[in-house]
Amino acid sequence: MPFNFVPLIFAAIIIIFLVLLLSFIPVALWISALAAGVRVSIFTLVGMRLRRVIPGRIVNPLIKAHKAGLPVGINQLESHYLAGGNVDRVVNALIAAQRANIDLTFERCAAIDLAGRDVLEAVQMSVNPKVIETPFISGVALDGIEVKAKARITVRANIDRLVGGAGEETIIARVGEGIVSTIGGSRDHKAVLENPDLISQTVLKKGLDAGTAFEILSIDIADVDIGKNIGAILQTDQAEADKKIAQAKAEERRAMAVATEQEMVARVQEMRAKVVEAESQVPLALADALKSGNLGVMDYMNYKNIMADTDMRQSISKATDVNNDQDKK
């Protein structure tokens, strides 16, 4: 008798259909919600699949919120998920706020989460304040000595200002500005070393947490160190700059003196050229005088004798000067 494969094929098709149906409809999740007392219909879960929402990301936080007694609906959680929020973190933050008696609504919690802040960490920080440690901040006292101070800032999250409030960087920058101004207003570095709490008291009075997402509880100076003598360094640099300026001015005067000297040498040479030019006119004048009869032959001979006598006297004088110099040596 031939074996009939039709029932087997039909059973296989039914099994495949059931597997696909169960993979599309999270029946196990529906049963878990039903066991926890949360009413979620199968059609709602199918609608989540069609809206490309992972049902587990909605139903599990909903069960958690229901067990904690939070009045949160499935539509609120799904809309927050579709907006790009973290549903599980929002529910955990609401539960933590309820346990700590902090007034926090779902709308504000969702807004804080969508703003990019960790709302659960903010709630935990409201209960357990956080300590922010600043790096060494340098300030210069009135006596020119550099003072370095490190502060520890105890802050608590301000839930009402988490949306639009400044972060930790602003707190550190404002505290650093206050430390620098306080050190700069001190008469000398010893006053800062004697009373480091003066810095924290002065900074706290300025209300540095205005417009931030935190509330400053205390500012404690953890360490104070002495740095460089900035005043002496500035005076040294100024003296070096003045020295270079004076050297430049002296070099300028020397260059002007050299230029003046060279100018005088050129003028001397010019005068000598004029003397030589004038002397060249003497023979011509003598010739004209002889031709015109204003100068006789004897007069010319007397002139030559006088010139020769003068040259002889100059030669004797030079020889005498040389002998005297050799005797002195």
Protein backbone atom coordinates (compact mmCIF):
# COMPACT_ATOMS: atom_id res chain seq x y z
CA MET A 1 0.00 0.00 0.00
CA PRO A 2 1.63 3.32 -1.04
CA PHE A 3 2.46 5.81 1.78
CA ASN A 4 0.51 9.15 1.67
CA PHE A 5 2.86 12.23 2.09
CA VAL A 6 0.06 14.85 1.93
CA PRO A 7 -0.69 14.93 5.69
CA LEU A 8 2.99 15.28 6.48
CA ILE A 9 3.40 18.18 4.08
CA PHE A 10 0.28 19.84 5.50
CA ALA A 11 1.57 19.41 9.07
CA ALA A 12 4.95 20.87 8.12
CA ILE A 13 3.28 23.93 6.60
CA ILE A 14 1.21 24.43 9.75
CA ILE A 15 4.32 24.15 11.94
CA ILE A 16 6.23 26.65 9.82
CA PHE A 17 3.27 29.04 9.94
CA LEU A 18 3.06 28.76 13.72
CA VAL A 19 6.80 29.37 14.10
CA LEU A 20 6.61 32.49 11.92
CA LEU A 21 3.50 33.70 13.78
CA LEU A 22 5.10 33.20 17.19
CA SER A 23 8.29 34.96 16.05
CA PHE A 24 6.23 37.95 14.91
CA ILE A 25 3.89 37.97 17.93
CA PRO A 26 5.85 37.91 21.23
CA VAL A 27 3.55 35.53 23.04
CA ALA A 28 6.07 34.88 25.80
CA LEU A 29 6.28 38.59 26.49
CA TRP A 30 2.50 38.83 26.54
CA ILE A 31 2.32 36.00 29.05
CA SER A 32 4.95 37.71 31.25
CA ALA A 33 2.98 40.96 31.22
CA LEU A 34 -0.23 39.11 32.00
CA ALA A 35 1.43 37.32 34.91
CA ALA A 36 2.71 40.66 36.27
CA GLY A 37 -0.78 42.16 36.16
CA VAL A 38 -0.09 44.44 33.18
CA ARG A 39 -2.78 44.33 30.55
CA VAL A 40 -1.27 44.41 27.09
CA SER A 41 -3.26 43.04 24.20
CA ILE A 42 -1.85 40.91 21.44
CA PHE A 43 -2.92 43.52 18.91
CA THR A 44 -0.91 46.16 20.74
CA LEU A 45 2.20 43.98 20.49
CA VAL A 46 1.51 43.37 16.80
CA GLY A 47 1.09 47.12 16.32
CA MET A 48 4.51 47.66 17.93
CA ARG A 49 6.02 45.25 15.44
CA LEU A 50 4.41 47.14 12.59
CA ARG A 51 5.69 50.47 13.97
CA ARG A 52 9.18 48.95 14.21
CA VAL A 53 9.19 49.15 17.97
CA ILE A 54 10.89 46.38 19.91
CA PRO A 55 8.14 45.16 22.28
CA GLY A 56 10.60 44.09 24.96
CA ARG A 57 11.94 47.65 25.23
CA ILE A 58 8.43 48.83 26.17
CA VAL A 59 6.78 45.96 28.03
CA ASN A 60 9.63 45.16 30.43
CA PRO A 61 9.97 48.80 31.68
CA LEU A 62 6.15 48.92 31.87
CA ILE A 63 6.13 45.87 34.13
CA LYS A 64 8.84 47.46 36.27
CA ALA A 65 6.88 50.73 36.56
CA HIS A 66 3.66 48.86 37.39
CA LYS A 67 5.36 46.94 40.18
CA ALA A 68 6.76 50.21 41.56
CA GLY A 69 3.32 51.82 41.47
CA LEU A 70 4.15 54.47 38.89
CA PRO A 71 1.25 55.87 36.84
CA VAL A 72 2.93 55.34 33.47
CA GLY A 73 1.05 54.27 30.35
CA ILE A 74 2.25 52.18 27.46
CA ASN A 75 1.60 55.00 24.99
CA GLN A 76 3.91 57.32 26.94
CA LEU A 77 6.72 54.78 26.91
CA GLU A 78 6.25 54.01 23.23
CA SER A 79 6.20 57.68 22.22
CA HIS A 80 9.39 58.29 24.19
CA TYR A 81 11.03 55.30 22.49
CA LEU A 82 10.01 56.54 19.05
CA ALA A 83 11.51 59.96 19.93
CA GLY A 84 14.88 58.30 20.50
CA GLY A 85 14.85 58.16 24.28
CA ASN A 86 16.01 55.46 26.66
CA VAL A 87 12.80 54.07 28.16
CA ASP A 88 14.46 51.75 30.67
CA ARG A 89 16.66 54.54 32.07
CA VAL A 90 13.67 56.88 32.40
CA VAL A 91 11.68 54.30 34.33
CA ASN A 92 14.64 53.54 36.60
CA ALA A 93 15.04 57.29 37.26
CA LEU A 94 11.32 57.62 38.13
CA ILE A 95 11.55 54.70 40.54
CA ALA A 96 14.68 56.16 42.19
CA ALA A 97 13.01 59.59 42.47
CA GLN A 98 9.91 58.03 44.05
CA ARG A 99 12.01 56.20 46.60
CA ALA A 100 13.89 59.40 47.45
CA ASN A 101 10.70 61.50 47.70
CA ILE A 102 11.77 63.68 44.77
CA ASP A 103 8.96 65.25 42.79
CA LEU A 104 9.72 64.15 39.23
CA THR A 105 7.08 63.68 36.54
CA PHE A 106 7.38 61.45 33.50
CA GLU A 107 7.25 64.43 31.12
CA ARG A 108 10.17 66.21 32.81
CA CYS A 109 12.13 62.98 33.11
CA ALA A 110 11.61 62.26 29.41
CA ALA A 111 12.61 65.81 28.50
CA ILE A 112 15.84 65.49 30.50
CA ASP A 113 16.62 62.18 28.80
CA LEU A 114 15.94 63.58 25.31
CA ALA A 115 18.19 66.56 26.14
CA GLY A 116 21.12 64.13 26.27
CA ARG A 117 21.60 64.02 30.04
CA ASP A 118 21.70 60.88 32.15
CA VAL A 119 18.52 61.38 34.17
CA LEU A 120 19.20 58.37 36.40
CA GLU A 121 22.63 59.75 37.30
CA ALA A 122 21.03 63.14 38.00
CA VAL A 123 18.54 61.58 40.42
CA GLN A 124 21.30 59.64 42.13
CA MET A 125 23.36 62.83 42.38
CA SER A 126 20.42 64.59 44.00
CA VAL A 127 20.46 61.95 46.73
CA ASN A 128 24.24 61.46 46.90
CA PRO A 129 26.12 64.70 46.04
CA LYS A 130 29.09 64.48 43.71
CA VAL A 131 32.59 65.87 44.29
CA ILE A 132 34.26 67.64 41.36
CA GLU A 133 38.01 68.17 41.69
CA THR A 134 39.58 71.05 39.80
CA PRO A 135 43.12 71.00 38.43
CA PHE A 136 45.76 73.31 39.91
CA ILE A 137 44.63 76.88 39.21
CA SER A 138 47.34 79.56 39.21
CA GLY A 139 46.92 83.09 40.49
CA VAL A 140 49.39 85.90 41.19
CA ALA A 141 49.22 87.84 44.46
CA LEU A 142 49.96 91.55 44.69
CA ASP A 143 53.57 90.85 45.71
CA GLY A 144 54.17 89.05 42.39
CA ILE A 145 54.35 85.49 43.79
CA GLU A 146 52.40 82.80 41.93
CA VAL A 147 50.05 80.70 44.07
CA LYS A 148 48.54 77.42 42.81
CA ALA A 149 45.36 76.12 44.40
CA LYS A 150 43.32 72.94 43.90
CA ALA A 151 39.67 72.85 45.01
CA ARG A 152 37.07 70.14 45.60
CA ILE A 153 33.54 71.23 44.71
CA THR A 154 30.62 69.33 46.24
CA VAL A 155 27.59 69.66 43.97
CA ARG A 156 24.07 68.31 43.90
CA ALA A 157 22.02 67.95 40.73
CA ASN A 158 19.23 70.48 40.30
CA ILE A 159 16.43 68.58 38.56
CA ASP A 160 14.56 71.74 37.59
CA ARG A 161 17.57 73.15 35.70
CA LEU A 162 18.84 69.99 34.01
CA VAL A 163 17.21 71.07 30.74
CA GLY A 164 19.15 74.09 29.49
CA GLY A 165 21.52 74.28 32.46
CA ALA A 166 25.30 74.42 32.10
CA GLY A 167 27.45 71.41 32.96
CA GLU A 168 30.52 70.59 35.04
CA GLU A 169 32.89 72.50 32.75
CA THR A 170 31.08 75.75 33.55
CA ILE A 171 31.26 75.07 37.29
CA ILE A 172 35.01 74.40 37.08
CA ALA A 173 35.60 77.51 34.95
CA ARG A 174 33.65 79.77 37.32
CA VAL A 175 35.35 78.39 40.41
CA GLY A 176 38.73 78.83 38.69
CA GLU A 177 37.88 82.44 37.89
CA GLY A 178 36.92 83.04 41.51
CA ILE A 179 40.14 81.49 42.78
CA VAL A 180 42.26 83.61 40.43
CA SER A 181 40.48 86.83 41.41
CA THR A 182 40.73 86.03 45.14
CA ILE A 183 44.45 85.27 44.94
CA GLY A 184 45.03 88.36 42.79
CA GLY A 185 43.31 90.55 45.40
CA SER A 186 45.47 89.27 48.28
CA ARG A 187 48.20 91.64 49.53
CA ASP A 188 50.82 88.87 49.40
CA HIS A 189 51.10 85.11 49.01
CA LYS A 190 51.51 84.61 52.76
CA ALA A 191 47.96 85.79 53.35
CA VAL A 192 46.69 83.05 51.01
CA LEU A 193 48.80 80.39 52.73
CA GLU A 194 47.65 81.49 56.18
CA ASN A 195 43.93 81.52 55.30
CA PRO A 196 43.14 79.19 52.39
CA ASP A 197 39.50 79.09 53.51
CA LEU A 198 39.31 82.76 52.48
CA ILE A 199 39.28 81.55 48.86
CA SER A 200 36.36 79.16 49.39
CA GLN A 201 34.35 81.74 51.34
CA THR A 202 34.86 84.40 48.70
CA VAL A 203 34.00 82.06 45.83
CA LEU A 204 30.87 80.71 47.55
CA LYS A 205 29.48 84.23 48.01
CA LYS A 206 29.48 84.84 44.25
CA GLY A 207 26.67 82.38 43.48
CA LEU A 208 28.59 80.51 40.80
CA ASP A 209 25.88 77.86 40.33
CA ALA A 210 23.44 80.32 38.72
CA GLY A 211 22.26 79.04 35.34
CA THR A 212 23.86 75.62 35.81
CA ALA A 213 22.37 72.16 36.30
CA PHE A 214 23.96 71.88 39.74
CA GLU A 215 23.71 73.36 43.21
CA ILE A 216 27.06 74.03 44.88
CA LEU A 217 27.02 72.79 48.46
CA SER A 218 30.62 73.54 49.42
CA ILE A 219 34.00 74.48 47.99
CA ASP A 220 37.03 73.13 49.85
CA ILE A 221 40.64 74.05 49.08
CA ALA A 222 42.47 70.72 48.87
CA ASP A 223 46.01 71.96 48.22
CA VAL A 224 47.92 75.24 47.94
CA ASP A 225 51.41 75.47 46.43
CA ILE A 226 53.83 78.30 45.72
CA GLY A 227 54.87 78.77 42.10
CA LYS A 228 57.26 81.15 40.40
CA ASN A 229 58.13 84.72 41.33
CA ILE A 230 56.22 86.24 38.44
CA GLY A 231 56.99 89.81 39.54
CA ALA A 232 60.75 89.22 39.49
CA ILE A 233 60.51 87.45 36.13
CA LEU A 234 58.59 90.38 34.66
CA GLN A 235 61.09 92.88 36.06
CA THR A 236 63.98 90.82 34.66
CA ASP A 237 62.32 90.66 31.27
CA GLN A 238 61.69 94.41 31.36
CA ALA A 239 65.31 95.12 32.31
CA GLU A 240 66.51 92.87 29.48
CA ALA A 241 64.21 94.68 27.06
CA ASP A 242 65.48 98.07 28.28
CA LYS A 243 69.05 96.84 27.86
CA LYS A 244 68.42 95.81 24.27
CA ILE A 245 66.76 99.16 23.55
CA ALA A 246 69.76 101.03 25.02
CA GLN A 247 72.16 98.90 22.98
CA ALA A 248 70.18 99.58 19.84
CA LYS A 249 70.23 103.33 20.51
CA ALA A 250 74.00 103.23 21.25
CA GLU A 251 74.58 101.35 18.01
CA GLU A 252 72.53 103.94 16.21
CA ARG A 253 74.63 106.77 17.68
CA ARG A 254 77.85 104.93 16.80
CA ALA A 255 76.68 104.46 13.23
CA MET A 256 75.84 108.16 13.02
CA ALA A 257 79.31 109.07 14.39
CA VAL A 258 81.00 106.81 11.84
CA ALA A 259 78.93 108.35 9.08
CA THR A 260 79.86 111.87 10.29
CA GLU A 261 83.53 110.89 10.42
CA GLN A 262 83.44 109.58 6.89
CA GLU A 263 81.71 112.75 5.80
CA MET A 264 84.48 114.85 7.38
CA VAL A 265 87.12 112.71 5.65
CA ALA A 266 85.40 113.33 2.35
CA ARG A 267 85.28 117.08 3.01
CA VAL A 268 89.02 117.09 3.88
CA GLN A 269 89.77 115.36 0.63
CA GLU A 270 87.62 117.89 -1.16
CA MET A 271 89.52 120.78 0.47
CA ARG A 272 92.85 119.21 -0.44
CA ALA A 273 91.68 118.88 -4.02
CA LYS A 274 90.83 122.56 -4.00
CA VAL A 275 94.32 123.40 -2.58
CA VAL A 276 95.98 121.34 -5.29
CA GLU A 277 93.87 123.06 -7.89
CA ALA A 278 94.85 126.47 -6.49
CA GLU A 279 98.56 125.54 -6.43
CA SER A 280 98.35 124.51 -10.07
CA GLN A 281 97.45 128.09 -10.93
CA VAL A 282 100.70 129.49 -9.46
CA PRO A 283 103.02 128.55 -12.37
CA LEU A 284 100.52 129.97 -14.83
CA ALA A 285 100.35 133.21 -12.88
CA LEU A 286 104.15 133.44 -12.79
CA ALA A 287 104.34 132.89 -16.54
CA ASP A 288 101.78 135.61 -17.15
CA ALA A 289 103.70 137.95 -14.84
CA LEU A 290 106.97 137.31 -16.71
CA LYS A 291 105.29 137.92 -20.05
CA SER A 292 103.64 141.10 -18.96
CA GLY A 293 106.82 142.43 -17.31
CA ASN A 294 105.34 142.59 -13.84
CA LEU A 295 107.92 140.06 -12.64
CA GLY A 296 111.59 140.25 -13.51
CA VAL A 297 114.08 137.43 -13.95
CA MET A 298 115.86 138.27 -10.71
CA ASP A 299 112.61 138.34 -8.86
CA TYR A 300 111.81 134.88 -10.18
CA MET A 301 115.27 133.59 -9.17
CA ASN A 302 114.81 135.00 -5.66
CA TYR A 303 111.45 133.21 -5.49
CA LYS A 304 113.07 129.93 -6.46
CA ASN A 305 115.83 130.41 -3.87
CA ILE A 306 113.27 131.03 -1.18
CA MET A 307 111.34 127.89 -2.19
CA ALA A 308 114.52 125.80 -2.13
CA ASP A 309 115.53 127.21 1.28
CA THR A 310 112.08 126.38 2.61
CA ASP A 311 112.29 122.79 1.33
CA MET A 312 115.71 122.38 2.90
CA ARG A 313 114.49 123.61 6.30
CA GLN A 314 111.54 121.20 6.16
CA SER A 315 113.88 118.28 5.33
CA ILE A 316 116.16 119.15 8.26
CA SER A 317 113.18 119.46 10.58
CA LYS A 318 111.86 116.03 9.59
CA ALA A 319 115.29 114.41 10.05
CA THR A 320 115.59 115.95 13.54
CA ASP A 321 112.16 114.63 14.55
CA VAL A 322 113.07 111.10 13.40
CA ASN A 323 116.34 111.13 15.44
CA ASN A 324 114.53 112.34 18.54
CA ASP A 325 112.00 109.54 18.23
CA GLN A 326 114.77 106.95 17.93
CA ASP A 327 116.56 108.34 20.98
CA LYS A 328 113.40 108.10 23.03
CA LYS A 329 113.01 104.48 22.07
